[in-house]
PDB file of N, CA and C in Angstrom:
ATOM      1  N   GLY A   1     -24.576 -22.063  -5.397  1.00  0.00           N
ATOM      2  CA  GLY A   1     -25.092 -23.360  -5.068  1.00  0.00           C
ATOM      3  C   GLY A   1     -26.597 -23.357  -5.071  1.00  0.00           C
ATOM      4  N   LYS A   2     -27.160 -24.473  -4.652  1.00  0.00           N
ATOM      5  CA  LYS A   2     -28.618 -24.621  -4.674  1.00  0.00           C
ATOM      6  C   LYS A   2     -29.286 -24.019  -3.452  1.00  0.00           C
ATOM      7  N   ASP A   3     -28.516 -23.769  -2.383  1.00  0.00           N
ATOM      8  CA  ASP A   3     -29.085 -23.185  -1.167  1.00  0.00           C
ATOM      9  C   ASP A   3     -28.934 -21.672  -1.190  1.00  0.00           C
ATOM     10  N   ASP A   4     -29.980 -20.978  -0.733  1.00  0.00           N
ATOM     11  CA  ASP A   4     -29.960 -19.513  -0.661  1.00  0.00           C
ATOM     12  C   ASP A   4     -29.776 -19.126   0.798  1.00  0.00           C
ATOM     13  N   ASP A   5     -28.694 -18.402   1.086  1.00  0.00           N
ATOM     14  CA  ASP A   5     -28.451 -18.011   2.479  1.00  0.00           C
ATOM     15  C   ASP A   5     -29.201 -16.739   2.854  1.00  0.00           C
ATOM     16  N   GLY A   6     -29.919 -16.139   1.916  1.00  0.00           N
ATOM     17  CA  GLY A   6     -30.728 -14.969   2.210  1.00  0.00           C
ATOM     18  C   GLY A   6     -29.957 -13.662   2.189  1.00  0.00           C
ATOM     19  N   ALA A   7     -28.661 -13.722   1.984  1.00  0.00           N
ATOM     20  CA  ALA A   7     -27.865 -12.501   1.940  1.00  0.00           C
ATOM     21  C   ALA A   7     -28.107 -11.779   0.617  1.00  0.00           C
ATOM     22  N   HIS A   8     -28.048 -10.470   0.668  1.00  0.00           N
ATOM     23  CA  HIS A   8     -28.214  -9.705  -0.564  1.00  0.00           C
ATOM     24  C   HIS A   8     -26.943  -9.794  -1.395  1.00  0.00           C
ATOM     25  N   PRO A   9     -27.046  -9.603  -2.701  1.00  0.00           N
ATOM     26  CA  PRO A   9     -25.834  -9.616  -3.524  1.00  0.00           C
ATOM     27  C   PRO A   9     -24.959  -8.413  -3.175  1.00  0.00           C
ATOM     28  N   PRO A  10     -23.684  -8.482  -3.496  1.00  0.00           N
ATOM     29  CA  PRO A  10     -22.793  -7.365  -3.161  1.00  0.00           C
ATOM     30  C   PRO A  10     -23.224  -6.077  -3.864  1.00  0.00           C
ATOM     31  N   ILE A  11     -22.940  -4.954  -3.221  1.00  0.00           N
ATOM     32  CA  ILE A  11     -23.238  -3.662  -3.831  1.00  0.00           C
ATOM     33  C   ILE A  11     -22.287  -3.469  -4.999  1.00  0.00           C
ATOM     34  N   HIS A  12     -22.829  -3.104  -6.147  1.00  0.00           N
ATOM     35  CA  HIS A  12     -22.013  -2.892  -7.329  1.00  0.00           C
ATOM     36  C   HIS A  12     -22.636  -1.804  -8.192  1.00  0.00           C
ATOM     37  N   PRO A  13     -21.824  -1.129  -8.987  1.00  0.00           N
ATOM     38  CA  PRO A  13     -22.366  -0.064  -9.851  1.00  0.00           C
ATOM     39  C   PRO A  13     -23.128  -0.668 -11.017  1.00  0.00           C
ATOM     40  N   LYS A  14     -24.219  -0.024 -11.405  1.00  0.00           N
ATOM     41  CA  LYS A  14     -24.988  -0.499 -12.560  1.00  0.00           C
ATOM     42  C   LYS A  14     -24.762   0.393 -13.765  1.00  0.00           C
ATOM     43  N   SER A  15     -24.952   1.675 -13.569  1.00  0.00           N
ATOM     44  CA  SER A  15     -24.717   2.621 -14.658  1.00  0.00           C
ATOM     45  C   SER A  15     -24.457   3.991 -14.051  1.00  0.00           C
ATOM     46  N   PHE A  16     -23.712   4.794 -14.781  1.00  0.00           N
ATOM     47  CA  PHE A  16     -23.371   6.118 -14.278  1.00  0.00           C
ATOM     48  C   PHE A  16     -24.488   7.089 -14.613  1.00  0.00           C
ATOM     49  N   ASP A  17     -24.842   7.899 -13.660  1.00  0.00           N
ATOM     50  CA  ASP A  17     -25.859   8.939 -13.842  1.00  0.00           C
ATOM     51  C   ASP A  17     -25.148  10.284 -13.776  1.00  0.00           C
ATOM     52  N   ALA A  18     -25.082  10.979 -14.893  1.00  0.00           N
ATOM     53  CA  ALA A  18     -24.348  12.246 -14.969  1.00  0.00           C
ATOM     54  C   ALA A  18     -24.948  13.325 -14.076  1.00  0.00           C
ATOM     55  N   SER A  19     -26.170  13.132 -13.617  1.00  0.00           N
ATOM     56  CA  SER A  19     -26.790  14.155 -12.775  1.00  0.00           C
ATOM     57  C   SER A  19     -26.365  14.035 -11.311  1.00  0.00           C
ATOM     58  N   LEU A  20     -25.611  13.004 -10.967  1.00  0.00           N
ATOM     59  CA  LEU A  20     -25.147  12.863  -9.582  1.00  0.00           C
ATOM     60  C   LEU A  20     -24.218  14.014  -9.229  1.00  0.00           C
ATOM     61  N   ALA A  21     -24.336  14.474  -7.983  1.00  0.00           N
ATOM     62  CA  ALA A  21     -23.478  15.564  -7.516  1.00  0.00           C
ATOM     63  C   ALA A  21     -23.238  15.400  -6.027  1.00  0.00           C
ATOM     64  N   GLY A  22     -22.214  16.064  -5.532  1.00  0.00           N
ATOM     65  CA  GLY A  22     -21.941  16.083  -4.099  1.00  0.00           C
ATOM     66  C   GLY A  22     -21.690  14.709  -3.524  1.00  0.00           C
ATOM     67  N   ASP A  23     -22.342  14.444  -2.375  1.00  0.00           N
ATOM     68  CA  ASP A  23     -22.140  13.165  -1.674  1.00  0.00           C
ATOM     69  C   ASP A  23     -22.568  11.975  -2.516  1.00  0.00           C
ATOM     70  N   GLU A  24     -23.650  12.117  -3.297  1.00  0.00           N
ATOM     71  CA  GLU A  24     -24.110  10.996  -4.125  1.00  0.00           C
ATOM     72  C   GLU A  24     -23.037  10.594  -5.143  1.00  0.00           C
ATOM     73  N   LYS A  25     -22.403  11.601  -5.757  1.00  0.00           N
ATOM     74  CA  LYS A  25     -21.355  11.315  -6.735  1.00  0.00           C
ATOM     75  C   LYS A  25     -20.155  10.664  -6.054  1.00  0.00           C
ATOM     76  N   ARG A  26     -19.793  11.136  -4.851  1.00  0.00           N
ATOM     77  CA  ARG A  26     -18.653  10.565  -4.123  1.00  0.00           C
ATOM     78  C   ARG A  26     -18.939   9.119  -3.704  1.00  0.00           C
ATOM     79  N   VAL A  27     -20.169   8.837  -3.266  1.00  0.00           N
ATOM     80  CA  VAL A  27     -20.526   7.460  -2.891  1.00  0.00           C
ATOM     81  C   VAL A  27     -20.482   6.555  -4.112  1.00  0.00           C
ATOM     82  N   PHE A  28     -21.022   7.023  -5.248  1.00  0.00           N
ATOM     83  CA  PHE A  28     -20.975   6.213  -6.466  1.00  0.00           C
ATOM     84  C   PHE A  28     -19.523   5.940  -6.862  1.00  0.00           C
ATOM     85  N   ASP A  29     -18.672   6.960  -6.785  1.00  0.00           N
ATOM     86  CA  ASP A  29     -17.260   6.806  -7.130  1.00  0.00           C
ATOM     87  C   ASP A  29     -16.599   5.761  -6.232  1.00  0.00           C
ATOM     88  N   LEU A  30     -16.887   5.828  -4.925  1.00  0.00           N
ATOM     89  CA  LEU A  30     -16.330   4.854  -3.980  1.00  0.00           C
ATOM     90  C   LEU A  30     -16.784   3.437  -4.322  1.00  0.00           C
ATOM     91  N   VAL A  31     -18.082   3.260  -4.550  1.00  0.00           N
ATOM     92  CA  VAL A  31     -18.623   1.927  -4.855  1.00  0.00           C
ATOM     93  C   VAL A  31     -18.041   1.400  -6.164  1.00  0.00           C
ATOM     94  N   ALA A  32     -17.985   2.254  -7.189  1.00  0.00           N
ATOM     95  CA  ALA A  32     -17.469   1.813  -8.492  1.00  0.00           C
ATOM     96  C   ALA A  32     -15.994   1.437  -8.390  1.00  0.00           C
ATOM     97  N   ARG A  33     -15.214   2.256  -7.698  1.00  0.00           N
ATOM     98  CA  ARG A  33     -13.780   1.968  -7.570  1.00  0.00           C
ATOM     99  C   ARG A  33     -13.537   0.715  -6.725  1.00  0.00           C
ATOM    100  N   HIS A  34     -14.340   0.541  -5.680  1.00  0.00           N
ATOM    101  CA  HIS A  34     -14.210  -0.666  -4.846  1.00  0.00           C
ATOM    102  C   HIS A  34     -14.530  -1.909  -5.670  1.00  0.00           C
ATOM    103  N   PHE A  35     -15.588  -1.846  -6.464  1.00  0.00           N
ATOM    104  CA  PHE A  35     -15.963  -2.973  -7.320  1.00  0.00           C
ATOM    105  C   PHE A  35     -14.839  -3.296  -8.306  1.00  0.00           C
ATOM    106  N   LEU A  36     -14.304  -2.264  -8.971  1.00  0.00           N
ATOM    107  CA  LEU A  36     -13.227  -2.487  -9.940  1.00  0.00           C
ATOM    108  C   LEU A  36     -11.969  -3.028  -9.263  1.00  0.00           C
ATOM    109  N   ALA A  37     -11.679  -2.538  -8.058  1.00  0.00           N
ATOM    110  CA  ALA A  37     -10.509  -3.040  -7.323  1.00  0.00           C
ATOM    111  C   ALA A  37     -10.679  -4.521  -6.989  1.00  0.00           C
ATOM    112  N   CYS A  38     -11.900  -4.912  -6.623  1.00  0.00           N
ATOM    113  CA  CYS A  38     -12.160  -6.328  -6.299  1.00  0.00           C
ATOM    114  C   CYS A  38     -11.980  -7.225  -7.518  1.00  0.00           C
ATOM    115  N   CYS A  39     -12.194  -6.683  -8.705  1.00  0.00           N
ATOM    116  CA  CYS A  39     -12.053  -7.458  -9.942  1.00  0.00           C
ATOM    117  C   CYS A  39     -10.637  -7.401 -10.503  1.00  0.00           C
ATOM    118  N   SER A  40      -9.785  -6.582  -9.908  1.00  0.00           N
ATOM    119  CA  SER A  40      -8.423  -6.376 -10.408  1.00  0.00           C
ATOM    120  C   SER A  40      -7.461  -7.402  -9.825  1.00  0.00           C
ATOM    121  N   LYS A  41      -6.305  -7.481 -10.449  1.00  0.00           N
ATOM    122  CA  LYS A  41      -5.247  -8.357  -9.939  1.00  0.00           C
ATOM    123  C   LYS A  41      -4.723  -7.813  -8.618  1.00  0.00           C
ATOM    124  N   ASP A  42      -4.166  -8.703  -7.801  1.00  0.00           N
ATOM    125  CA  ASP A  42      -3.563  -8.303  -6.537  1.00  0.00           C
ATOM    126  C   ASP A  42      -2.378  -7.383  -6.784  1.00  0.00           C
ATOM    127  N   ALA A  43      -2.177  -6.467  -5.866  1.00  0.00           N
ATOM    128  CA  ALA A  43      -0.966  -5.660  -5.883  1.00  0.00           C
ATOM    129  C   ALA A  43       0.181  -6.536  -5.378  1.00  0.00           C
ATOM    130  N   VAL A  44       1.389  -6.222  -5.826  1.00  0.00           N
ATOM    131  CA  VAL A  44       2.553  -7.007  -5.413  1.00  0.00           C
ATOM    132  C   VAL A  44       3.605  -6.048  -4.877  1.00  0.00           C
ATOM    133  N   GLY A  45       4.103  -6.363  -3.711  1.00  0.00           N
ATOM    134  CA  GLY A  45       5.146  -5.536  -3.122  1.00  0.00           C
ATOM    135  C   GLY A  45       6.023  -6.378  -2.220  1.00  0.00           C
ATOM    136  N   TYR A  46       7.174  -5.857  -1.948  1.00  0.00           N
ATOM    137  CA  TYR A  46       8.135  -6.538  -1.093  1.00  0.00           C
ATOM    138  C   TYR A  46       8.569  -5.599   0.012  1.00  0.00           C
ATOM    139  N   GLN A  47       8.422  -6.059   1.240  1.00  0.00           N
ATOM    140  CA  GLN A  47       8.904  -5.276   2.373  1.00  0.00           C
ATOM    141  C   GLN A  47      10.255  -5.835   2.786  1.00  0.00           C
ATOM    142  N   THR A  48      11.207  -4.941   2.936  1.00  0.00           N
ATOM    143  CA  THR A  48      12.559  -5.321   3.301  1.00  0.00           C
ATOM    144  C   THR A  48      12.923  -4.643   4.607  1.00  0.00           C
ATOM    145  N   THR A  49      13.481  -5.412   5.525  1.00  0.00           N
ATOM    146  CA  THR A  49      14.017  -4.850   6.763  1.00  0.00           C
ATOM    147  C   THR A  49      15.509  -5.136   6.783  1.00  0.00           C
ATOM    148  N   VAL A  50      16.282  -4.086   6.898  1.00  0.00           N
ATOM    149  CA  VAL A  50      17.740  -4.208   6.917  1.00  0.00           C
ATOM    150  C   VAL A  50      18.217  -3.879   8.321  1.00  0.00           C
ATOM    151  N   LYS A  51      18.983  -4.794   8.901  1.00  0.00           N
ATOM    152  CA  LYS A  51      19.572  -4.582  10.226  1.00  0.00           C
ATOM    153  C   LYS A  51      21.085  -4.534  10.048  1.00  0.00           C
ATOM    154  N   VAL A  52      21.681  -3.451  10.535  1.00  0.00           N
ATOM    155  CA  VAL A  52      23.107  -3.219  10.330  1.00  0.00           C
ATOM    156  C   VAL A  52      23.764  -2.958  11.676  1.00  0.00           C
ATOM    157  N   GLN A  53      24.964  -3.506  11.828  1.00  0.00           N
ATOM    158  CA  GLN A  53      25.764  -3.203  13.006  1.00  0.00           C
ATOM    159  C   GLN A  53      27.033  -2.512  12.532  1.00  0.00           C
ATOM    160  N   ILE A  54      27.267  -1.325  13.087  1.00  0.00           N
ATOM    161  CA  ILE A  54      28.499  -0.584  12.819  1.00  0.00           C
ATOM    162  C   ILE A  54      29.150  -0.340  14.169  1.00  0.00           C
ATOM    163  N   ALA A  55      30.305  -0.918  14.351  1.00  0.00           N
ATOM    164  CA  ALA A  55      30.994  -0.899  15.652  1.00  0.00           C
ATOM    165  C   ALA A  55      30.041  -1.514  16.678  1.00  0.00           C
ATOM    166  N   PHE A  56      29.657  -0.764  17.712  1.00  0.00           N
ATOM    167  CA  PHE A  56      28.776  -1.303  18.745  1.00  0.00           C
ATOM    168  C   PHE A  56      27.346  -0.779  18.617  1.00  0.00           C
ATOM    169  N   GLU A  57      27.045  -0.120  17.504  1.00  0.00           N
ATOM    170  CA  GLU A  57      25.713   0.450  17.295  1.00  0.00           C
ATOM    171  C   GLU A  57      24.931  -0.399  16.294  1.00  0.00           C
ATOM    172  N   PHE A  58      23.623  -0.535  16.547  1.00  0.00           N
ATOM    173  CA  PHE A  58      22.746  -1.286  15.666  1.00  0.00           C
ATOM    174  C   PHE A  58      21.748  -0.321  15.019  1.00  0.00           C
ATOM    175  N   PHE A  59      21.497  -0.511  13.734  1.00  0.00           N
ATOM    176  CA  PHE A  59      20.582   0.346  12.982  1.00  0.00           C
ATOM    177  C   PHE A  59      19.605  -0.542  12.212  1.00  0.00           C
ATOM    178  N   THR A  60      18.386  -0.061  12.055  1.00  0.00           N
ATOM    179  CA  THR A  60      17.374  -0.797  11.321  1.00  0.00           C
ATOM    180  C   THR A  60      16.680   0.149  10.342  1.00  0.00           C
ATOM    181  N   ALA A  61      16.460  -0.323   9.132  1.00  0.00           N
ATOM    182  CA  ALA A  61      15.705   0.434   8.130  1.00  0.00           C
ATOM    183  C   ALA A  61      14.697  -0.521   7.505  1.00  0.00           C
ATOM    184  N   THR A  62      13.485  -0.050   7.326  1.00  0.00           N
ATOM    185  CA  THR A  62      12.448  -0.854   6.691  1.00  0.00           C
ATOM    186  C   THR A  62      11.917  -0.091   5.488  1.00  0.00           C
ATOM    187  N   GLY A  63      11.722  -0.801   4.406  1.00  0.00           N
ATOM    188  CA  GLY A  63      11.224  -0.159   3.194  1.00  0.00           C
ATOM    189  C   GLY A  63      10.257  -1.054   2.455  1.00  0.00           C
ATOM    190  N   LEU A  64       9.543  -0.464   1.531  1.00  0.00           N
ATOM    191  CA  LEU A  64       8.549  -1.184   0.739  1.00  0.00           C
ATOM    192  C   LEU A  64       8.782  -0.863  -0.722  1.00  0.00           C
ATOM    193  N   MET A  65       8.870  -1.905  -1.530  1.00  0.00           N
ATOM    194  CA  MET A  65       9.008  -1.718  -2.966  1.00  0.00           C
ATOM    195  C   MET A  65       7.790  -2.347  -3.633  1.00  0.00           C
ATOM    196  N   VAL A  66       6.954  -1.514  -4.243  1.00  0.00           N
ATOM    197  CA  VAL A  66       5.764  -1.997  -4.947  1.00  0.00           C
ATOM    198  C   VAL A  66       6.178  -2.292  -6.376  1.00  0.00           C
ATOM    199  N   THR A  67       5.981  -3.548  -6.801  1.00  0.00           N
ATOM    200  CA  THR A  67       6.392  -3.949  -8.151  1.00  0.00           C
ATOM    201  C   THR A  67       5.226  -4.026  -9.123  1.00  0.00           C
ATOM    202  N   ALA A  68       4.004  -4.146  -8.608  1.00  0.00           N
ATOM    203  CA  ALA A  68       2.812  -4.160  -9.471  1.00  0.00           C
ATOM    204  C   ALA A  68       1.662  -3.526  -8.691  1.00  0.00           C
ATOM    205  N   ARG A  69       1.237  -2.342  -9.100  1.00  0.00           N
ATOM    206  CA  ARG A  69       0.207  -1.604  -8.368  1.00  0.00           C
ATOM    207  C   ARG A  69      -1.177  -2.222  -8.565  1.00  0.00           C
ATOM    208  N   ASN A  70      -1.495  -2.675  -9.735  1.00  0.00           N
ATOM    209  CA  ASN A  70      -2.765  -3.327 -10.082  1.00  0.00           C
ATOM    210  C   ASN A  70      -3.970  -2.656  -9.436  1.00  0.00           C
ATOM    211  N   TRP A  71      -4.635  -3.275  -8.452  1.00  0.00           N
ATOM    212  CA  TRP A  71      -5.869  -2.694  -7.908  1.00  0.00           C
ATOM    213  C   TRP A  71      -5.635  -1.349  -7.243  1.00  0.00           C
ATOM    214  N   LEU A  72      -4.418  -1.066  -6.822  1.00  0.00           N
ATOM    215  CA  LEU A  72      -4.120   0.231  -6.212  1.00  0.00           C
ATOM    216  C   LEU A  72      -4.288   1.373  -7.215  1.00  0.00           C
ATOM    217  N   GLU A  73      -4.192   1.073  -8.502  1.00  0.00           N
ATOM    218  CA  GLU A  73      -4.372   2.093  -9.543  1.00  0.00           C
ATOM    219  C   GLU A  73      -5.802   2.619  -9.577  1.00  0.00           C
ATOM    220  N   VAL A  74      -6.780   1.763  -9.306  1.00  0.00           N
ATOM    221  CA  VAL A  74      -8.184   2.190  -9.404  1.00  0.00           C
ATOM    222  C   VAL A  74      -8.786   2.548  -8.057  1.00  0.00           C
ATOM    223  N   TYR A  75      -8.082   2.264  -6.964  1.00  0.00           N
ATOM    224  CA  TYR A  75      -8.617   2.519  -5.628  1.00  0.00           C
ATOM    225  C   TYR A  75      -7.635   3.390  -4.842  1.00  0.00           C
ATOM    226  N   PRO A  76      -7.705   4.708  -5.044  1.00  0.00           N
ATOM    227  CA  PRO A  76      -6.708   5.607  -4.431  1.00  0.00           C
ATOM    228  C   PRO A  76      -6.890   5.803  -2.933  1.00  0.00           C
ATOM    229  N   PHE A  77      -7.920   5.213  -2.355  1.00  0.00           N
ATOM    230  CA  PHE A  77      -8.188   5.388  -0.925  1.00  0.00           C
ATOM    231  C   PHE A  77      -7.279   4.503  -0.071  1.00  0.00           C
ATOM    232  N   GLU A  78      -6.619   3.564  -0.691  1.00  0.00           N
ATOM    233  CA  GLU A  78      -5.657   2.687  -0.013  1.00  0.00           C
ATOM    234  C   GLU A  78      -4.288   2.985  -0.603  1.00  0.00           C
ATOM    235  N   ARG A  79      -3.330   3.172   0.262  1.00  0.00           N
ATOM    236  CA  ARG A  79      -1.988   3.496  -0.228  1.00  0.00           C
ATOM    237  C   ARG A  79      -0.971   2.524   0.354  1.00  0.00           C
ATOM    238  N   TRP A  80      -0.117   2.056  -0.504  1.00  0.00           N
ATOM    239  CA  TRP A  80       1.051   1.312  -0.061  1.00  0.00           C
ATOM    240  C   TRP A  80       2.201   2.268  -0.226  1.00  0.00           C
ATOM    241  N   GLN A  81       2.730   2.692   0.854  1.00  0.00           N
ATOM    242  CA  GLN A  81       3.838   3.613   0.741  1.00  0.00           C
ATOM    243  C   GLN A  81       4.836   3.356   1.848  1.00  0.00           C
ATOM    244  N   GLY A  82       5.987   3.782   1.639  1.00  0.00           N
ATOM    245  CA  GLY A  82       7.055   3.619   2.608  1.00  0.00           C
ATOM    246  C   GLY A  82       8.346   4.039   1.961  1.00  0.00           C
ATOM    247  N   ARG A  83       9.378   3.940   2.705  1.00  0.00           N
ATOM    248  CA  ARG A  83      10.699   4.282   2.189  1.00  0.00           C
ATOM    249  C   ARG A  83      11.067   3.244   1.135  1.00  0.00           C
ATOM    250  N   ASN A  84      11.485   3.707  -0.007  1.00  0.00           N
ATOM    251  CA  ASN A  84      11.848   2.813  -1.097  1.00  0.00           C
ATOM    252  C   ASN A  84      13.314   2.417  -0.945  1.00  0.00           C
ATOM    253  N   ILE A  85      13.554   1.156  -0.573  1.00  0.00           N
ATOM    254  CA  ILE A  85      14.922   0.652  -0.475  1.00  0.00           C
ATOM    255  C   ILE A  85      15.028  -0.622  -1.306  1.00  0.00           C
ATOM    256  N   PRO A  86      16.203  -0.948  -1.778  1.00  0.00           N
ATOM    257  CA  PRO A  86      16.373  -2.153  -2.596  1.00  0.00           C
ATOM    258  C   PRO A  86      16.017  -3.424  -1.820  1.00  0.00           C
ATOM    259  N   ILE A  87      15.762  -4.469  -2.559  1.00  0.00           N
ATOM    260  CA  ILE A  87      15.499  -5.771  -1.957  1.00  0.00           C
ATOM    261  C   ILE A  87      16.845  -6.443  -1.702  1.00  0.00           C
ATOM    262  N   TYR A  88      17.062  -6.857  -0.474  1.00  0.00           N
ATOM    263  CA  TYR A  88      18.285  -7.561  -0.100  1.00  0.00           C
ATOM    264  C   TYR A  88      17.945  -8.993   0.273  1.00  0.00           C
ATOM    265  N   GLN A  89      18.903  -9.865   0.086  1.00  0.00           N
ATOM    266  CA  GLN A  89      18.763 -11.251   0.510  1.00  0.00           C
ATOM    267  C   GLN A  89      19.371 -11.388   1.897  1.00  0.00           C
ATOM    268  N   GLU A  90      18.843 -12.307   2.708  1.00  0.00           N
ATOM    269  CA  GLU A  90      19.379 -12.508   4.053  1.00  0.00           C
ATOM    270  C   GLU A  90      20.856 -12.875   3.970  1.00  0.00           C
ATOM    271  N   GLY A  91      21.643 -12.189   4.786  1.00  0.00           N
ATOM    272  CA  GLY A  91      23.078 -12.433   4.822  1.00  0.00           C
ATOM    273  C   GLY A  91      23.864 -11.639   3.792  1.00  0.00           C
ATOM    274  N   GLN A  92      23.151 -10.962   2.872  1.00  0.00           N
ATOM    275  CA  GLN A  92      23.835 -10.174   1.849  1.00  0.00           C
ATOM    276  C   GLN A  92      24.555  -8.992   2.498  1.00  0.00           C
ATOM    277  N   GLN A  93      25.764  -8.715   2.046  1.00  0.00           N
ATOM    278  CA  GLN A  93      26.521  -7.583   2.579  1.00  0.00           C
ATOM    279  C   GLN A  93      26.463  -6.432   1.583  1.00  0.00           C
ATOM    280  N   PHE A  94      26.512  -5.222   2.118  1.00  0.00           N
ATOM    281  CA  PHE A  94      26.538  -4.049   1.258  1.00  0.00           C
ATOM    282  C   PHE A  94      27.424  -2.998   1.898  1.00  0.00           C
ATOM    283  N   GLU A  95      27.853  -2.063   1.095  1.00  0.00           N
ATOM    284  CA  GLU A  95      28.686  -0.981   1.602  1.00  0.00           C
ATOM    285  C   GLU A  95      27.870   0.303   1.531  1.00  0.00           C
ATOM    286  N   PRO A  96      27.682   0.982   2.665  1.00  0.00           N
ATOM    287  CA  PRO A  96      26.891   2.217   2.658  1.00  0.00           C
ATOM    288  C   PRO A  96      27.529   3.271   1.757  1.00  0.00           C
ATOM    289  N   THR A  97      26.687   4.074   1.140  1.00  0.00           N
ATOM    290  CA  THR A  97      27.201   5.152   0.284  1.00  0.00           C
ATOM    291  C   THR A  97      27.612   6.359   1.107  1.00  0.00           C
ATOM    292  N   SER A  98      27.014   6.512   2.303  1.00  0.00           N
ATOM    293  CA  SER A  98      27.416   7.616   3.180  1.00  0.00           C
ATOM    294  C   SER A  98      27.035   7.287   4.611  1.00  0.00           C
ATOM    295  N   LEU A  99      27.782   7.852   5.533  1.00  0.00           N
ATOM    296  CA  LEU A  99      27.500   7.727   6.957  1.00  0.00           C
ATOM    297  C   LEU A  99      27.546   9.125   7.555  1.00  0.00           C
ATOM    298  N   THR A 100      26.486   9.497   8.282  1.00  0.00           N
ATOM    299  CA  THR A 100      26.467  10.807   8.919  1.00  0.00           C
ATOM    300  C   THR A 100      26.042  10.642  10.367  1.00  0.00           C
ATOM    301  N   LEU A 101      26.476  11.559  11.199  1.00  0.00           N
ATOM    302  CA  LEU A 101      26.076  11.587  12.597  1.00  0.00           C
ATOM    303  C   LEU A 101      25.398  12.934  12.824  1.00  0.00           C
ATOM    304  N   ASP A 102      24.102  12.917  13.051  1.00  0.00           N
ATOM    305  CA  ASP A 102      23.341  14.140  13.251  1.00  0.00           C
ATOM    306  C   ASP A 102      22.997  14.310  14.702  1.00  0.00           C
ATOM    307  N   GLU A 103      23.205  15.493  15.230  1.00  0.00           N
ATOM    308  CA  GLU A 103      22.847  15.773  16.618  1.00  0.00           C
ATOM    309  C   GLU A 103      21.434  16.330  16.654  1.00  0.00           C
ATOM    310  N   GLY A 104      20.657  15.908  17.631  1.00  0.00           N
ATOM    311  CA  GLY A 104      19.282  16.404  17.746  1.00  0.00           C
ATOM    312  C   GLY A 104      18.649  15.873  19.003  1.00  0.00           C
ATOM    313  N   LYS A 105      17.370  16.132  19.136  1.00  0.00           N
ATOM    314  CA  LYS A 105      16.624  15.609  20.280  1.00  0.00           C
ATOM    315  C   LYS A 105      15.259  15.154  19.786  1.00  0.00           C
ATOM    316  N   THR A 106      14.654  14.262  20.517  1.00  0.00           N
ATOM    317  CA  THR A 106      13.352  13.743  20.128  1.00  0.00           C
ATOM    318  C   THR A 106      12.285  14.813  20.363  1.00  0.00           C
ATOM    319  N   GLU A 107      11.255  14.734  19.541  1.00  0.00           N
ATOM    320  CA  GLU A 107      10.148  15.659  19.648  1.00  0.00           C
ATOM    321  C   GLU A 107       8.845  14.878  19.643  1.00  0.00           C
ATOM    322  N   ALA A 108       7.849  15.412  20.281  1.00  0.00           N
ATOM    323  CA  ALA A 108       6.538  14.765  20.305  1.00  0.00           C
ATOM    324  C   ALA A 108       5.946  14.779  18.914  1.00  0.00           C
ATOM    325  N   PRO A 109       5.170  13.761  18.564  1.00  0.00           N
ATOM    326  CA  PRO A 109       4.562  13.725  17.218  1.00  0.00           C
ATOM    327  C   PRO A 109       3.561  14.845  17.009  1.00  0.00           C
TER     328      PRO A 109
END
């Protein structure tokens, strides 16, 4: 616009200097990857939470399915990860492939 708010322009890479090393090279890499990620398409993913009742017991599983990594490809400092489970529709029924009962005790993280 016609008004200047006095803010500096965003930090962005101008050109690569092959003589960069150590922390300078890592900072340049971070800035360049952040800039490219900002110019990239959004990542797309679906989080699914499945709630199941078997007899009188309730179980919950949550998973994430990333369908388009896009900016995540150029910016490895951010990760979308989780248990990969299929996408279910609300009310959809499924039959488990296996049921196991494991004995154990809780442990501190």
